[in-house]
Amino acid sequence: MEVNLYLYYISLCDTAITVKKGESIKLGEGYDLFLSGVNSDGQIYLELQKDGKLVEESFLAPSRDGATMADKTYYYRTNVGSQKGLVTIAVHFRSTYKDEERALAVVDGIWQISDTPIDVRADTQYGKMTVRSVDGNAGVITMDNKDN
């Protein structure tokens, strides 16, 4: 049996990252998430670019009263292999700040999954590990090294 495996790039921030207006968060596979603006209500305007080309624009309101996880998290969905609308990027914004001189947002979580799946088959070697079995129905891949 063969299944598609998606590589994960995970960065769970140990400390918060401050992003100023006009700056970007560098992500994997050529993606950058730009903080294009913060309005007086704390709403942020984001631009996702891949290899310098605009992919998507989005607004979030992480600092509004009663903000939910959806208000604080940027999600990018795309088609990957046979998966439709798969979340491949998620960035959590803790808060925003704006005064007359500066505008910024504080990020405390970044998650990304590759948008290029790879095939996984039994007896395929990845580094020092070898795939022994693949059960796509159960979602289980068993791997071992030469010493089991």
Protein backbone atom coordinates (compact mmCIF):
# COMPACT_ATOMS: atom_id res chain seq x y z
CA MET A 1 0.00 0.00 0.00
CA GLU A 2 1.13 3.54 -0.74
CA VAL A 3 0.08 6.73 1.06
CA ASN A 4 1.00 10.39 0.76
CA LEU A 5 3.00 11.79 3.63
CA TYR A 6 3.15 15.50 4.29
CA LEU A 7 6.28 16.98 5.82
CA TYR A 8 5.73 19.23 8.80
CA TYR A 9 7.58 22.44 9.58
CA ILE A 10 6.63 23.27 13.12
CA SER A 11 7.77 26.26 15.09
CA LEU A 12 6.07 26.51 18.43
CA CYS A 13 7.46 29.77 19.71
CA ASP A 14 9.20 29.53 23.08
CA THR A 15 9.08 33.29 23.15
CA ALA A 16 6.79 35.67 21.36
CA ILE A 17 7.83 37.17 18.03
CA THR A 18 7.12 40.84 17.43
CA VAL A 19 6.34 41.73 13.82
CA LYS A 20 6.29 45.39 12.83
CA LYS A 21 4.18 46.88 10.05
CA GLY A 22 5.93 46.19 6.74
CA GLU A 23 7.86 43.20 8.09
CA SER A 24 7.22 39.54 7.38
CA ILE A 25 7.36 36.19 9.09
CA LYS A 26 9.58 33.89 7.04
CA LEU A 27 7.95 30.49 6.57
CA GLY A 28 9.08 27.33 4.76
CA GLU A 29 8.87 26.62 1.02
CA GLY A 30 9.17 30.27 -0.05
CA TYR A 31 6.21 31.63 1.96
CA ASP A 32 6.26 34.98 3.77
CA LEU A 33 3.42 36.38 5.85
CA PHE A 34 3.55 40.19 5.80
CA LEU A 35 1.98 42.47 8.39
CA SER A 36 0.75 45.17 6.02
CA GLY A 37 -1.16 47.23 8.54
CA VAL A 38 -2.85 47.63 11.91
CA ASN A 39 -5.88 49.88 12.29
CA SER A 40 -6.94 51.80 15.40
CA ASP A 41 -9.26 48.94 16.45
CA GLY A 42 -6.34 46.48 16.49
CA GLN A 43 -7.43 44.73 13.31
CA ILE A 44 -4.47 43.53 11.26
CA TYR A 45 -4.11 43.29 7.50
CA LEU A 46 -1.99 40.35 6.33
CA GLU A 47 -0.56 39.39 2.94
CA LEU A 48 0.70 35.87 2.25
CA GLN A 49 3.30 35.68 -0.50
CA LYS A 50 5.05 32.71 -2.05
CA ASP A 51 8.31 33.39 -3.87
CA GLY A 52 7.46 37.10 -3.86
CA LYS A 53 4.00 36.71 -5.42
CA LEU A 54 0.79 37.55 -3.57
CA VAL A 55 -1.18 34.41 -2.71
CA GLU A 56 -3.82 35.71 -0.32
CA GLU A 57 -4.89 38.74 1.72
CA SER A 58 -6.62 38.49 5.08
CA PHE A 59 -7.86 40.53 8.05
CA LEU A 60 -7.78 39.39 11.69
CA ALA A 61 -8.85 41.01 14.94
CA PRO A 62 -6.68 39.39 17.64
CA SER A 63 -6.95 42.28 20.12
CA ARG A 64 -10.69 42.86 20.09
CA ASP A 65 -12.62 42.19 23.29
CA GLY A 66 -13.71 38.58 23.50
CA ALA A 67 -11.53 37.53 20.54
CA THR A 68 -11.84 33.84 19.71
CA MET A 69 -9.15 31.50 18.42
CA ALA A 70 -10.46 32.16 14.89
CA ASP A 71 -10.08 35.92 15.46
CA LYS A 72 -6.47 35.41 16.54
CA THR A 73 -5.27 32.78 14.05
CA TYR A 74 -4.41 33.17 10.39
CA TYR A 75 -5.17 29.99 8.42
CA TYR A 76 -4.13 29.32 4.83
CA ARG A 77 -5.92 26.48 3.06
CA THR A 78 -4.90 24.97 -0.26
CA ASN A 79 -5.21 21.77 -2.25
CA VAL A 80 -2.36 19.35 -1.59
CA GLY A 81 -2.26 16.12 -3.55
CA SER A 82 -5.74 14.63 -3.28
CA GLN A 83 -6.57 16.70 -0.17
CA LYS A 84 -8.85 19.66 -0.87
CA GLY A 85 -8.80 22.76 1.34
CA LEU A 86 -6.04 21.45 3.63
CA VAL A 87 -4.74 23.94 6.21
CA THR A 88 -1.04 24.24 5.39
CA ILE A 89 -0.19 27.36 7.41
CA ALA A 90 -1.49 28.58 10.76
CA VAL A 91 -0.10 31.61 12.62
CA HIS A 92 -1.47 32.62 16.03
CA PHE A 93 -1.41 36.31 16.96
CA ARG A 94 -1.50 37.04 20.68
CA SER A 95 -2.06 40.79 20.39
CA THR A 96 -1.60 43.97 18.36
CA TYR A 97 -0.40 47.47 19.15
CA LYS A 98 -0.68 50.78 17.33
CA ASP A 99 0.26 54.33 18.25
CA GLU A 100 1.25 57.40 16.22
CA GLU A 101 4.76 56.05 15.56
CA ARG A 102 4.46 52.31 15.16
CA ALA A 103 2.19 49.39 14.53
CA LEU A 104 2.99 45.80 15.43
CA ALA A 105 1.61 42.38 16.21
CA VAL A 106 2.83 39.71 18.60
CA VAL A 107 2.95 36.12 17.30
CA ASP A 108 3.14 33.21 19.73
CA GLY A 109 2.56 30.20 17.49
CA ILE A 110 3.50 29.15 13.95
CA TRP A 111 2.63 25.87 12.23
CA GLN A 112 3.19 24.80 8.64
CA ILE A 113 2.78 21.63 6.65
CA SER A 114 4.48 21.11 3.30
CA ASP A 115 2.35 21.63 0.22
CA THR A 116 4.38 18.95 -1.58
CA PRO A 117 3.43 15.43 -0.44
CA ILE A 118 5.81 12.51 -0.81
CA ASP A 119 4.84 8.89 -1.39
CA VAL A 120 5.57 6.43 1.40
CA ARG A 121 5.93 2.74 0.56
CA ALA A 122 7.13 -0.30 2.46
CA ASP A 123 10.87 -1.01 2.13
CA THR A 124 11.67 2.64 1.30
CA GLN A 125 14.60 4.10 3.22
CA TYR A 126 14.59 7.63 4.67
CA GLY A 127 17.96 8.42 6.19
CA LYS A 128 18.75 5.64 8.67
CA MET A 129 15.13 4.52 8.91
CA THR A 130 13.27 2.05 6.67
CA VAL A 131 9.51 1.90 6.20
CA ARG A 132 8.39 -1.59 7.26
CA SER A 133 4.64 -1.25 6.79
CA VAL A 134 2.01 1.28 5.78
CA ASP A 135 -1.64 1.07 6.82
CA GLY A 136 -3.46 4.01 5.24
CA ASN A 137 -6.82 2.97 6.73
CA ALA A 138 -5.50 3.01 10.30
CA GLY A 139 -3.16 5.93 9.65
CA VAL A 140 -0.12 3.95 10.78
CA ILE A 141 3.38 3.92 9.31
CA THR A 142 5.88 1.57 10.94
CA MET A 143 9.57 2.36 10.54
CA ASP A 144 12.73 0.98 12.06
CA ASN A 145 16.47 1.22 11.73
CA LYS A 146 18.72 -1.68 10.75
CA ASP A 147 18.95 -2.76 14.42
CA ASN A 148 15.14 -2.75 14.79
